[in-house]
Protein backbone atom coordinates (compact mmCIF):
# COMPACT_ATOMS: atom_id res chain seq x y z
CA MET A 1 26.66 -25.52 -19.62
CA PHE A 2 27.88 -28.91 -21.50
CA HIS A 3 29.88 -31.94 -20.43
CA LEU A 4 32.92 -33.26 -21.24
CA PHE A 5 33.05 -36.99 -20.75
CA VAL A 6 36.68 -38.52 -19.94
CA ASP A 7 38.01 -41.36 -18.67
CA ALA A 8 41.21 -41.97 -16.43
CA PHE A 9 43.12 -42.75 -19.19
CA GLY A 10 42.71 -40.13 -21.44
CA LEU A 11 39.69 -38.83 -23.69
CA LEU A 12 36.69 -41.11 -24.94
CA PRO A 13 36.24 -41.35 -28.83
CA SER A 14 33.28 -41.73 -30.66
CA HIS A 15 32.87 -45.60 -29.82
CA ALA A 16 32.96 -47.13 -26.04
CA GLY A 17 36.50 -48.53 -26.26
CA ILE A 18 39.06 -47.25 -24.19
CA SER A 19 42.21 -45.09 -25.87
CA GLY A 20 45.12 -43.50 -24.37
CA PRO A 21 48.37 -44.18 -22.57
CA GLY A 22 46.73 -46.73 -20.14
CA ALA A 23 44.90 -48.76 -22.76
CA ARG A 24 47.47 -52.15 -22.81
CA GLN A 25 46.84 -51.73 -18.49
CA CYS A 26 43.46 -53.23 -20.02
CA GLU A 27 43.84 -55.80 -22.79
CA GLY A 28 42.46 -58.59 -22.31
CA LEU A 29 39.40 -56.91 -19.61
CA LYS A 30 36.19 -56.40 -20.44
CA LEU A 31 34.68 -53.04 -19.76
CA ILE A 32 31.40 -52.92 -17.50
CA GLY A 33 30.51 -49.61 -17.05
CA TYR A 34 31.91 -46.28 -15.70
CA ASP A 35 31.79 -44.69 -12.87
CA GLU A 36 31.11 -40.59 -13.37
CA VAL A 37 32.67 -37.77 -11.43
CA GLU A 38 31.15 -33.84 -12.19
CA THR A 39 33.89 -31.78 -11.77
CA LEU A 40 33.05 -28.04 -12.69
CA GLU A 41 35.15 -25.93 -14.53
CA LEU A 42 35.57 -22.34 -15.56
CA ILE A 43 35.55 -20.70 -19.09
CA ARG A 44 35.66 -16.68 -18.63
CA SER A 45 33.41 -14.86 -20.93
CA GLU A 46 35.07 -13.86 -24.33
CA LEU A 47 34.59 -10.94 -26.23
CA ARG A 48 34.27 -10.62 -30.05
CA VAL A 49 34.08 -8.27 -32.75
CA ARG A 50 31.69 -8.62 -35.24
CA VAL A 51 32.08 -7.10 -38.72
CA THR A 52 29.21 -6.08 -40.65
CA ARG A 53 29.70 -4.71 -44.29
CA TYR A 54 27.37 -2.96 -46.06
CA ALA A 55 27.24 -2.51 -49.88
CA LYS A 56 27.70 0.91 -50.91
CA TYR A 57 26.11 1.73 -55.12
CA ALA A 58 26.96 4.91 -56.68
CA HIS A 59 25.73 5.69 -60.67
CA PRO A 60 28.66 5.21 -62.87
CA ALA A 61 27.76 8.49 -64.97
CA ASP A 62 25.41 10.41 -62.71
CA LYS A 63 27.21 11.71 -59.81
CA THR A 64 24.47 13.66 -58.46
CA GLN A 65 22.53 10.48 -57.70
CA GLY A 66 24.83 10.10 -54.60
CA ILE A 67 25.73 6.75 -52.80
CA LEU A 68 22.86 3.62 -52.08
CA SER A 69 23.08 1.73 -49.01
CA PRO A 70 21.61 -0.63 -47.16
CA GLU A 71 19.25 1.17 -43.91
CA ARG A 72 21.22 0.19 -40.79
CA PRO A 73 19.31 -0.88 -37.73
CA THR A 74 19.57 1.58 -35.05
CA GLY A 75 22.41 0.73 -32.25
CA LEU A 76 22.35 1.47 -28.45
CA VAL A 77 25.13 4.28 -29.10
CA GLU A 78 25.76 6.50 -31.93
CA GLY A 79 27.23 4.29 -34.98
CA ASN A 80 26.31 1.23 -33.48
CA ARG A 81 29.57 0.12 -32.00
CA PHE A 82 27.96 -2.01 -29.21
CA ASP A 83 25.62 -4.88 -29.15
CA PRO A 84 22.71 -5.32 -26.78
CA SER A 85 24.58 -7.96 -25.50
CA ILE A 86 27.40 -5.77 -23.68
CA GLY A 87 24.38 -3.36 -22.96
CA VAL A 88 22.68 -6.02 -20.89
CA GLU A 89 26.01 -7.01 -18.96
CA VAL A 90 26.88 -3.67 -18.13
CA VAL A 91 23.36 -2.89 -16.84
CA ALA A 92 23.17 -6.21 -15.09
CA ALA A 93 26.48 -5.52 -13.20
CA LYS A 94 25.38 -2.08 -12.26
CA TYR A 95 21.68 -2.82 -10.80
CA PHE A 96 21.65 -6.82 -10.26
CA TYR A 97 25.11 -7.02 -8.14
CA HIS A 98 25.88 -3.60 -7.71
CA LEU A 99 28.88 -2.70 -9.59
CA PRO A 100 30.23 0.30 -10.23
CA PHE A 101 31.18 1.50 -13.14
CA TYR A 102 34.86 2.03 -12.28
CA ARG A 103 34.87 -2.10 -11.03
CA GLN A 104 33.17 -3.01 -14.51
CA GLN A 105 36.43 -1.22 -16.19
CA ASP A 106 38.44 -4.32 -14.15
CA LEU A 107 36.30 -6.84 -15.16
CA PHE A 108 36.36 -6.22 -18.53
CA ALA A 109 40.08 -5.23 -18.96
CA GLY A 110 40.61 -8.95 -17.76
CA SER A 111 38.87 -9.84 -21.09
CA GLY A 112 40.51 -7.68 -23.37
CA TRP A 113 38.76 -4.52 -23.47
CA THR A 114 39.24 -0.78 -21.36
CA PRO A 115 36.11 1.23 -21.37
CA SER A 116 35.81 4.58 -20.09
CA ARG A 117 33.46 5.04 -17.60
CA SER A 118 32.01 7.42 -20.05
CA THR A 119 31.66 4.76 -22.77
CA LEU A 120 29.71 2.66 -19.81
CA GLN A 121 27.48 5.63 -19.30
CA ASN A 122 26.56 6.49 -22.62
CA ILE A 123 25.78 2.33 -23.28
CA GLU A 124 23.66 2.80 -19.97
CA ALA A 125 21.98 5.45 -21.55
CA GLY A 126 21.10 3.59 -24.48
CA VAL A 127 19.38 0.69 -22.64
CA GLU A 128 17.20 3.13 -20.62
CA PHE A 129 16.24 4.50 -23.72
CA ALA A 130 15.32 0.82 -25.42
CA LEU A 131 13.45 0.01 -22.20
CA ARG A 132 11.75 3.59 -21.21
CA PRO A 133 8.41 1.87 -23.50
CA LEU A 134 8.55 -1.54 -21.11
CA ALA A 135 9.26 0.39 -18.06
CA ALA A 136 5.94 2.53 -18.60
CA HIS A 137 4.03 -0.64 -19.10
CA LEU A 138 5.54 -2.34 -16.40
CA ARG A 139 4.60 0.68 -14.19
CA ASP A 140 0.77 0.41 -15.92
CA TYR A 141 0.37 -2.78 -15.36
CA LEU A 142 1.41 -2.40 -11.29
CA LYS A 143 -1.50 -0.35 -11.01
CA GLN A 144 -4.09 -2.77 -11.84
CA ASP A 145 -3.44 -4.10 -8.57
CA GLN A 146 -5.96 -2.98 -5.77
CA THR A 147 -3.00 -2.70 -3.01
CA ILE A 148 0.04 -1.25 -3.59
CA GLY A 149 2.39 -0.89 -0.67
CA CYS A 150 5.58 2.42 -1.29
CA ASP A 151 8.50 2.95 0.46
CA ASP A 152 11.79 5.24 0.00
CA THR A 153 15.48 5.26 0.62
CA GLY A 154 17.62 8.37 0.03
CA VAL A 155 20.55 8.43 -2.48
CA LEU A 156 22.86 10.92 -3.32
CA LEU A 157 22.83 12.72 -6.64
CA ILE A 158 25.87 15.03 -7.37
CA THR A 159 24.92 18.32 -8.66
CA PRO A 160 25.12 19.33 -12.22
CA GLY A 161 27.43 21.80 -13.75
CA ALA A 162 25.11 23.96 -15.79
CA MET A 163 20.83 23.39 -15.90
CA PRO A 164 19.57 20.42 -17.72
CA ASP A 165 17.17 20.82 -20.49
CA LEU A 166 13.34 19.95 -18.15
CA SER A 167 11.14 21.35 -20.89
CA GLN A 168 9.60 17.96 -21.17
CA HIS A 169 10.14 16.52 -17.51
CA PRO A 170 6.84 16.02 -16.04
CA ARG A 171 8.08 16.90 -12.44
CA GLY A 172 10.14 19.95 -14.66
CA GLN A 173 9.45 22.69 -12.34
CA ARG A 174 10.45 20.77 -8.87
CA ILE A 175 13.91 19.53 -10.17
CA GLY A 176 14.83 22.80 -11.50
CA GLU A 177 13.84 24.28 -8.18
CA VAL A 178 15.83 21.87 -6.08
CA LEU A 179 18.66 22.05 -8.83
CA GLU A 180 18.77 26.25 -9.02
CA THR A 181 19.08 26.47 -5.38
CA ALA A 182 22.10 23.49 -5.62
CA ILE A 183 23.52 25.29 -8.09
CA ALA A 184 23.40 28.59 -6.69
CA ALA A 185 24.66 27.78 -2.91
CA GLY A 186 27.59 25.39 -4.45
CA LYS A 187 26.53 22.55 -3.33
CA PRO A 188 28.27 19.44 -4.64
CA SER A 189 25.81 16.96 -4.10
CA ILE A 190 21.92 17.27 -3.00
CA ASN A 191 19.37 14.47 -0.53
CA ALA A 192 17.72 12.47 -3.21
CA GLN A 193 15.12 9.85 -3.12
CA MET A 194 14.95 6.33 -4.86
CA TRP A 195 11.00 4.94 -4.31
CA GLY A 196 10.00 1.53 -4.63
CA TYR A 197 6.27 0.04 -5.60
CA TYR A 198 5.52 -3.01 -5.44
CA ALA A 199 2.17 -4.31 -6.28
CA SER A 200 0.19 -6.61 -3.28
CA ARG A 201 -0.63 -9.44 -5.60
CA LEU A 202 0.61 -8.81 -9.16
CA PRO A 203 3.86 -9.92 -9.53
CA VAL A 204 5.70 -6.45 -10.36
CA VAL A 205 7.84 -3.83 -8.76
CA ALA A 206 9.06 -0.09 -10.36
CA PHE A 207 11.25 2.22 -8.96
CA ASP A 208 11.13 6.00 -8.99
CA PHE A 209 13.91 8.99 -8.79
CA THR A 210 12.98 11.98 -7.37
CA VAL A 211 15.66 14.90 -6.26
CA SER A 212 13.77 15.49 -3.22
CA ARG A 213 11.50 13.65 -0.30
CA HIS A 214 8.60 15.55 -1.93
CA ARG A 215 5.18 14.31 -2.37
CA ASP A 216 4.95 15.10 -6.40
CA GLY A 217 6.80 11.77 -6.74
CA PRO A 218 3.49 9.85 -5.50
CA ASP A 219 1.56 11.76 -7.16
CA GLU A 220 3.05 11.88 -10.19
CA VAL A 221 3.47 7.52 -10.64
CA LEU A 222 -0.12 7.17 -8.66
CA GLY A 223 -1.91 10.13 -10.63
CA ASP A 224 -4.26 7.24 -12.03
CA PHE A 225 -4.24 5.14 -9.32
CA ALA A 226 -7.61 4.03 -7.63
CA GLY A 227 -7.21 1.50 -4.55
CA ASN A 228 -4.91 1.34 -1.42
CA LEU A 229 -1.46 2.46 -0.73
CA ILE A 230 0.45 0.72 2.21
CA GLY A 231 3.34 2.59 3.50
CA ASP A 232 4.73 4.45 6.82
CA CYS A 233 3.09 7.15 8.37
CA TRP A 234 4.93 9.82 6.23
CA SER A 235 3.07 13.27 5.90
CA GLY A 236 3.08 13.39 1.71
CA PHE A 237 1.26 9.64 1.99
CA GLN A 238 -1.04 10.69 5.15
CA LYS A 239 -3.61 12.91 3.03
CA ILE A 240 -3.14 11.31 -0.09
CA ASP A 241 -6.88 10.60 0.27
CA VAL A 242 -7.56 13.91 0.22
CA ARG A 243 -5.20 14.64 -2.24
CA SER A 244 -6.35 12.30 -4.63
CA GLY A 245 -10.72 12.90 -4.13
CA SER A 246 -10.96 9.56 -1.74
CA ARG A 247 -9.49 7.98 -5.25
CA ILE A 248 -6.57 6.59 -2.74
CA THR A 249 -7.09 5.19 0.40
CA PHE A 250 -4.22 4.90 2.63
CA ALA A 251 -2.97 1.98 5.13
CA ALA A 252 -0.62 2.21 8.13
CA CYS A 253 2.29 -0.68 8.50
CA TRP A 254 1.72 -2.34 11.32
CA ALA A 255 5.81 -3.37 11.06
CA HIS A 256 6.93 0.78 11.32
CA ALA A 257 4.20 0.52 14.47
CA ARG A 258 5.77 -2.11 16.49
CA ARG A 259 9.72 -1.10 15.19
CA LYS A 260 8.57 1.93 17.01
CA ILE A 261 7.69 0.54 19.88
CA ASP A 262 10.60 -2.23 20.23
CA GLU A 263 13.16 0.62 20.24
CA CYS A 264 11.55 1.57 23.52
CA ARG A 265 12.66 -2.02 25.41
CA SER A 266 15.18 -1.08 27.39
CA ALA A 267 13.48 1.74 29.02
CA PHE A 268 10.03 0.06 29.24
CA PRO A 269 10.69 -3.54 29.20
CA ILE A 270 7.64 -4.62 31.15
CA GLN A 271 4.82 -2.51 28.36
CA VAL A 272 6.94 -3.57 25.61
CA ALA A 273 6.76 -7.21 25.99
CA GLN A 274 2.97 -6.72 26.53
CA LEU A 275 2.58 -4.41 23.43
CA GLU A 276 4.61 -6.92 20.99
CA SER A 277 2.77 -10.31 22.80
CA LEU A 278 -0.21 -8.33 21.48
CA ILE A 279 0.71 -7.22 18.15
CA ARG A 280 2.47 -10.61 17.80
CA MET A 281 -1.05 -12.07 17.38
CA LEU A 282 -2.14 -10.03 15.02
CA TYR A 283 0.74 -11.65 12.64
CA ASP A 284 -0.33 -15.34 14.04
CA VAL A 285 -3.52 -14.61 12.98
CA GLU A 286 -2.08 -13.51 9.39
CA ASP A 287 0.04 -17.03 9.90
CA GLN A 288 -3.09 -18.71 10.01
CA ILE A 289 -5.34 -17.13 7.03
CA GLN A 290 -2.31 -17.57 4.60
CA LYS A 291 -3.92 -20.57 2.54
CA LEU A 292 -7.78 -19.02 2.65
CA ASN A 293 -9.05 -17.27 -0.36
CA ALA A 294 -9.78 -13.51 -0.48
CA SER A 295 -13.58 -14.48 0.56
CA GLN A 296 -12.29 -15.94 3.43
CA ARG A 297 -9.78 -13.63 5.20
CA PRO A 298 -11.38 -10.61 5.70
CA ALA A 299 -14.12 -12.60 7.96
CA ARG A 300 -11.09 -14.08 9.82
CA ARG A 301 -9.68 -10.85 10.34
CA ARG A 302 -12.79 -9.25 11.40
CA SER A 303 -13.49 -12.54 14.12
CA LEU A 304 -10.23 -12.49 15.61
CA SER A 305 -7.97 -9.49 14.35
CA ARG A 306 -10.45 -7.30 15.37
CA HIS A 307 -10.53 -9.05 18.27
CA VAL A 308 -6.96 -8.44 19.00
CA LEU A 309 -6.85 -4.56 18.36
CA ALA A 310 -9.66 -3.90 20.68
CA LEU A 311 -7.00 -5.64 22.86
CA ILE A 312 -4.42 -3.42 21.73
CA GLU A 313 -6.41 -0.41 22.53
CA GLU A 314 -7.56 -1.09 25.85
CA TYR A 315 -3.97 -1.62 26.90
CA LEU A 316 -3.20 1.70 25.54
CA SER A 317 -5.86 3.33 27.85
CA SER A 318 -4.78 0.74 31.04
CA GLU A 319 -3.02 2.22 34.35
CA ALA A 320 0.19 0.56 32.59
CA MET A 321 0.44 3.32 30.15
CA SER A 322 -0.82 6.49 31.60
CA PRO A 323 1.28 9.37 32.04
CA GLY A 324 1.66 8.75 35.44
CA ARG A 325 4.14 5.67 34.35
CA VAL A 326 4.71 7.06 30.92
CA LEU A 327 5.80 10.00 30.29
CA PRO A 328 4.07 11.84 26.85
CA LYS A 329 7.07 12.65 26.00
CA SER A 330 8.94 9.70 26.59
CA ASN A 331 9.84 7.59 23.61
CA LEU A 332 7.30 5.28 24.82
CA GLY A 333 4.77 7.79 24.85
CA GLN A 334 5.73 9.14 21.10
CA ALA A 335 5.64 5.37 20.44
CA ALA A 336 1.67 4.97 21.57
CA ALA A 337 1.13 8.23 20.00
CA TYR A 338 2.10 7.56 16.81
CA VAL A 339 -0.04 4.49 17.37
CA ARG A 340 -3.05 6.41 18.44
CA ARG A 341 -2.87 9.08 15.77
CA HIS A 342 -2.77 6.60 12.92
CA TRP A 343 -5.04 4.10 14.56
CA GLU A 344 -7.85 4.46 11.57
CA ALA A 345 -5.35 3.27 8.88
CA LEU A 346 -3.62 0.65 11.20
CA SER A 347 -6.95 -0.71 11.32
CA ARG A 348 -7.73 -0.82 7.72
CA PHE A 349 -6.48 -4.25 6.53
CA ILE A 350 -9.46 -5.78 8.76
CA ASP A 351 -11.87 -5.26 5.72
CA ASP A 352 -9.81 -5.45 2.69
CA ALA A 353 -8.60 -8.89 1.74
CA SER A 354 -5.87 -7.06 -0.55
CA ILE A 355 -4.42 -5.17 2.18
CA PRO A 356 -1.27 -6.83 3.87
CA ILE A 357 -1.05 -5.84 7.54
CA ASP A 358 2.88 -4.58 6.60
CA ASN A 359 4.58 -2.98 3.91
CA ASN A 360 7.82 -5.52 4.62
CA ASP A 361 7.74 -7.02 1.02
CA CYS A 362 8.06 -3.25 -0.42
CA GLU A 363 10.81 -2.43 1.87
CA GLN A 364 13.01 -5.09 0.95
CA LEU A 365 12.92 -3.42 -2.52
CA MET A 366 15.12 -0.70 -1.17
CA LYS A 367 18.32 -3.09 -0.17
CA ARG A 368 18.83 -3.23 -3.58
CA ALA A 369 19.29 0.31 -3.71
CA ALA A 370 21.05 0.15 -0.04
CA THR A 371 23.46 -1.88 -1.55
CA GLY A 372 24.41 -0.12 -4.68
CA ARG A 373 24.94 3.29 -2.65
CA LYS A 374 27.22 1.27 -0.68
CA ASN A 375 29.15 -0.30 -3.15
């Protein structure tokens, strides 16, 4: 952004004097300063074609030596027809601003370029190939954290007309099974999953895509991770400690537990109000220890949060939550059973400062996928 200085009578020249049609109005007066008004202007993005010439040399007599020309750099697509700046624009528009290709076509057309959707898709694939090593590095960096949050959301995958080559894919067997079934059944699309991984302390997140909500996705991503995993109580997470040989410890999210309880407010207002007030006390403790260091947080959690957990456990066993007042198959009965069933995982944050009380930070990542899915 640059500033263009203009006076009320015209453009200011390089010297401090006044020029323009109104200069005669100021004749004989002394300049004492300026009042500045900043007005924002918009200049549309401009596309230009850069022409690079590569010299070609041939032997004047011996034609068998062929033509000599400088080595050409590798481009995003074959022929190096698109600069990396085009690739950045296409990917940023799709994943940062959630603009599908058909909307990008209109934007580029306003600047004089009318690409096809297949062209934009090829550019996107070229950027993905170039950034693949960086993505692998960030995924490895993510797993250096002690605690990782994980969440997922559904996305629609269009069934391919023919089976792709999955011989080099680490999850090729599972992908092949799902796609073969969909193709044989004539399904136009299948329900796939987008996964988000959030480091609790490191400034990095990662996304992963699977063709189904199967545990092979998290198992492959976290294959060499040792630490804590926090998420909802999906069955694939519950047994991850067994599958990993105790390398990974699962911690449950209190926001999920509270959400299940809150959904019962209309039928059980008194019980829900009491349980939510106790859960709110857990979050009050978390607010109090935000400024404490990692060595002080567990001590405060053990002295305060453990007491609140005891009150929650006591209320779940009280007369107010008895089968006579809350039927086991009612929505609150099932929510209470959820909390009791996963009590150990819900209590793991007490003794480990790296485990947050909930997985809300990771759940926020899913909004990116949901916005793109909606658009």
